[in-house]
Protein backbone atom coordinates (compact mmCIF):
# COMPACT_ATOMS: atom_id res chain seq x y z
CA MET A 1 -0.08 -0.11 0.16
CA PRO A 2 1.37 3.50 -0.95
CA ARG A 3 2.38 5.81 1.70
CA PRO A 4 0.00 8.66 2.78
CA TYR A 5 0.53 12.37 1.26
CA SER A 6 2.60 14.56 3.70
CA LEU A 7 1.00 16.56 6.51
CA ASP A 8 2.65 19.58 4.76
CA LEU A 9 0.71 19.11 1.52
CA ARG A 10 -2.56 18.37 3.17
CA ALA A 11 -2.27 21.56 5.30
CA ARG A 12 -1.42 23.61 2.22
CA VAL A 13 -4.34 22.20 0.63
CA VAL A 14 -6.79 22.95 3.42
CA ALA A 15 -5.16 26.43 3.75
CA THR A 16 -5.82 27.25 0.05
CA PHE A 17 -9.51 25.92 0.43
CA LYS A 18 -10.16 28.26 3.50
CA ALA A 19 -8.71 31.12 1.49
CA GLY A 20 -11.55 30.89 -0.70
CA LYS A 21 -10.88 28.43 -3.60
CA SER A 22 -13.17 25.54 -4.35
CA CYS A 23 -12.18 21.88 -4.01
CA ARG A 24 -11.91 21.55 -7.63
CA GLN A 25 -9.63 24.52 -7.99
CA VAL A 26 -7.47 23.37 -5.10
CA ALA A 27 -7.32 19.77 -6.46
CA ALA A 28 -6.17 21.09 -9.81
CA GLU A 29 -3.57 23.42 -8.28
CA PHE A 30 -1.98 20.65 -6.35
CA SER A 31 -2.46 17.93 -9.00
CA ILE A 32 -4.52 15.63 -6.63
CA GLY A 33 -8.16 14.33 -6.78
CA VAL A 34 -11.25 16.35 -6.22
CA SER A 35 -12.38 13.66 -3.71
CA THR A 36 -9.05 13.59 -2.02
CA ALA A 37 -9.29 17.46 -1.42
CA ILE A 38 -12.79 17.00 -0.16
CA ARG A 39 -11.75 14.36 2.37
CA TRP A 40 -8.81 16.32 3.73
CA THR A 41 -11.06 19.64 4.11
CA GLY A 42 -13.73 17.35 5.83
CA ARG A 43 -11.20 15.66 8.13
CA GLU A 44 -9.90 19.13 8.96
CA ARG A 45 -13.41 20.23 9.88
CA GLU A 46 -14.23 17.29 11.99
CA THR A 47 -10.98 16.54 13.84
CA GLY A 48 -9.29 19.70 13.49
CA SER A 49 -6.24 18.28 11.57
CA PRO A 50 -5.93 16.89 7.93
CA ALA A 51 -3.42 14.23 8.99
CA ALA A 52 -3.63 10.78 7.79
CA LEU A 53 -5.31 8.10 9.73
CA PRO A 54 -2.80 5.48 11.22
CA MET A 55 -1.96 2.73 8.76
CA GLY A 56 -1.27 -0.99 9.09
CA GLY A 57 -0.65 -2.56 12.47
CA LYS A 58 -2.26 -5.86 13.59
CA ARG A 59 -5.91 -6.32 14.27
CA PRO A 60 -6.81 -8.56 17.14
CA TYR A 61 -8.33 -11.80 16.27
CA VAL A 62 -12.11 -12.08 16.68
CA LEU A 63 -11.80 -15.24 18.65
CA ALA A 64 -8.99 -13.99 21.02
CA ASP A 65 -11.52 -14.32 23.77
CA GLU A 66 -12.30 -17.83 22.75
CA ARG A 67 -8.67 -19.01 22.95
CA GLU A 68 -8.92 -21.42 26.02
CA TRP A 69 -12.32 -22.70 24.63
CA VAL A 70 -10.71 -23.57 21.21
CA LEU A 71 -7.51 -25.04 22.90
CA ARG A 72 -9.74 -27.22 25.24
CA ARG A 73 -12.05 -28.32 22.60
CA VAL A 74 -9.15 -29.50 20.35
CA THR A 75 -7.72 -31.35 23.65
CA GLU A 76 -10.88 -33.17 24.13
CA ARG A 77 -11.51 -34.02 20.74
CA PRO A 78 -8.38 -33.99 18.57
CA ASP A 79 -10.25 -35.31 15.48
CA ILE A 80 -12.61 -32.22 15.37
CA THR A 81 -13.16 -30.46 12.06
CA LEU A 82 -13.17 -26.82 11.75
CA GLN A 83 -16.52 -26.95 10.29
CA GLU A 84 -17.76 -28.68 13.53
CA MET A 85 -15.95 -26.01 15.56
CA LEU A 86 -17.71 -23.36 13.58
CA ALA A 87 -21.07 -24.91 14.22
CA GLU A 88 -20.30 -24.98 17.95
CA LEU A 89 -19.04 -21.40 17.91
CA ALA A 90 -22.13 -20.35 16.43
CA GLY A 91 -24.18 -22.08 19.02
CA ARG A 92 -22.09 -20.00 21.58
CA GLY A 93 -23.03 -17.01 19.92
CA VAL A 94 -19.62 -16.34 18.26
CA LYS A 95 -19.83 -15.10 14.69
CA VAL A 96 -16.73 -16.07 12.64
CA SER A 97 -15.84 -17.17 9.22
CA TYR A 98 -14.16 -20.48 8.33
CA TYR A 99 -11.03 -18.52 7.31
CA GLY A 100 -11.06 -16.60 10.52
CA LEU A 101 -11.02 -19.79 12.38
CA TRP A 102 -8.38 -21.61 10.34
CA ASN A 103 -6.09 -18.64 10.61
CA PHE A 104 -6.75 -18.34 14.58
CA CYS A 105 -6.02 -22.30 14.75
CA ARG A 106 -2.96 -21.64 12.83
CA HIS A 107 -1.80 -18.85 14.96
CA LEU A 108 -2.30 -21.03 18.00
CA GLY A 109 -0.05 -23.67 16.49
CA LEU A 110 -2.84 -26.06 16.14
CA ARG A 111 -2.45 -28.36 12.82
CA PHE A 112 -5.08 -30.61 11.49
CA LYS A 113 -2.79 -33.02 9.51
CA LYS A 114 -3.96 -36.18 8.07
CA ASN A 115 -2.55 -39.37 9.30
CA ARG A 116 -2.58 -43.11 8.50
CA ALA A 117 -5.55 -43.61 10.95
CA ARG A 118 -7.90 -40.96 9.18
CA GLN A 119 -7.07 -41.74 5.60
CA ARG A 120 -9.75 -43.30 3.51
CA THR A 121 -9.28 -46.74 1.90
CA GLY A 122 -8.71 -46.39 -1.79
CA SER A 123 -8.05 -49.21 -4.46
CA ALA A 124 -5.28 -51.25 -3.59
CA ARG A 125 -3.73 -51.13 -7.23
CA ARG A 126 -3.59 -47.34 -6.82
CA GLY A 127 -1.95 -47.42 -3.41
CA ALA A 128 0.79 -49.76 -4.49
CA ALA A 129 1.61 -47.80 -7.62
CA ALA A 130 1.62 -44.64 -5.26
CA ARG A 131 3.89 -46.39 -2.70
CA ALA A 132 6.30 -47.61 -5.51
CA MET A 133 6.61 -43.89 -6.96
CA ALA A 134 7.34 -42.80 -3.25
CA GLU A 135 10.15 -45.19 -2.92
CA PRO A 136 13.68 -44.01 -3.90
CA PRO A 137 14.80 -45.75 -7.06
CA ARG A 138 17.22 -48.68 -6.46
CA GLN A 139 20.80 -48.26 -7.63
CA ASN A 140 22.98 -51.22 -8.79
CA ARG A 141 20.64 -53.92 -8.16
CA PRO A 142 22.62 -57.25 -8.67
CA GLU A 143 19.73 -59.21 -10.09
CA THR A 144 19.43 -56.87 -13.09
CA ALA A 145 23.04 -55.92 -13.44
CA GLY A 146 24.32 -56.66 -17.01
CA VAL A 147 20.90 -57.92 -18.16
CA HIS A 148 19.63 -56.00 -21.25
CA ARG A 149 15.89 -56.50 -22.71
């Protein structure tokens, strides 16, 4: 995101507007957008300063108050899905998106990795082929050394 305009420029724009020029004239004179000049003069009128609002920073997590509950829930039931936790949070009156819950769990260091016990079974042929592809190739096998087909 680009940096905000300097306070010096903002103050000169507001001062020129207060001197009697219209926002369109001020915008043309300083090569800024008309809406920008209007916003700066409005901010000067409301707050007393045309200074930019703070940028960036970290917003707190929506689920920050539910941290202990989320940790306890995952400890009680390690195979819980995020969809199930979303439903339980909605029952508690907490409104959060799937991504918000996922991001919060990632922040807490919770990972929902697949393991052998949770994997579904597939065809035996496909599984054998996948395992063969995953194994490193054998080098210098004595039973095939020097044999050409």
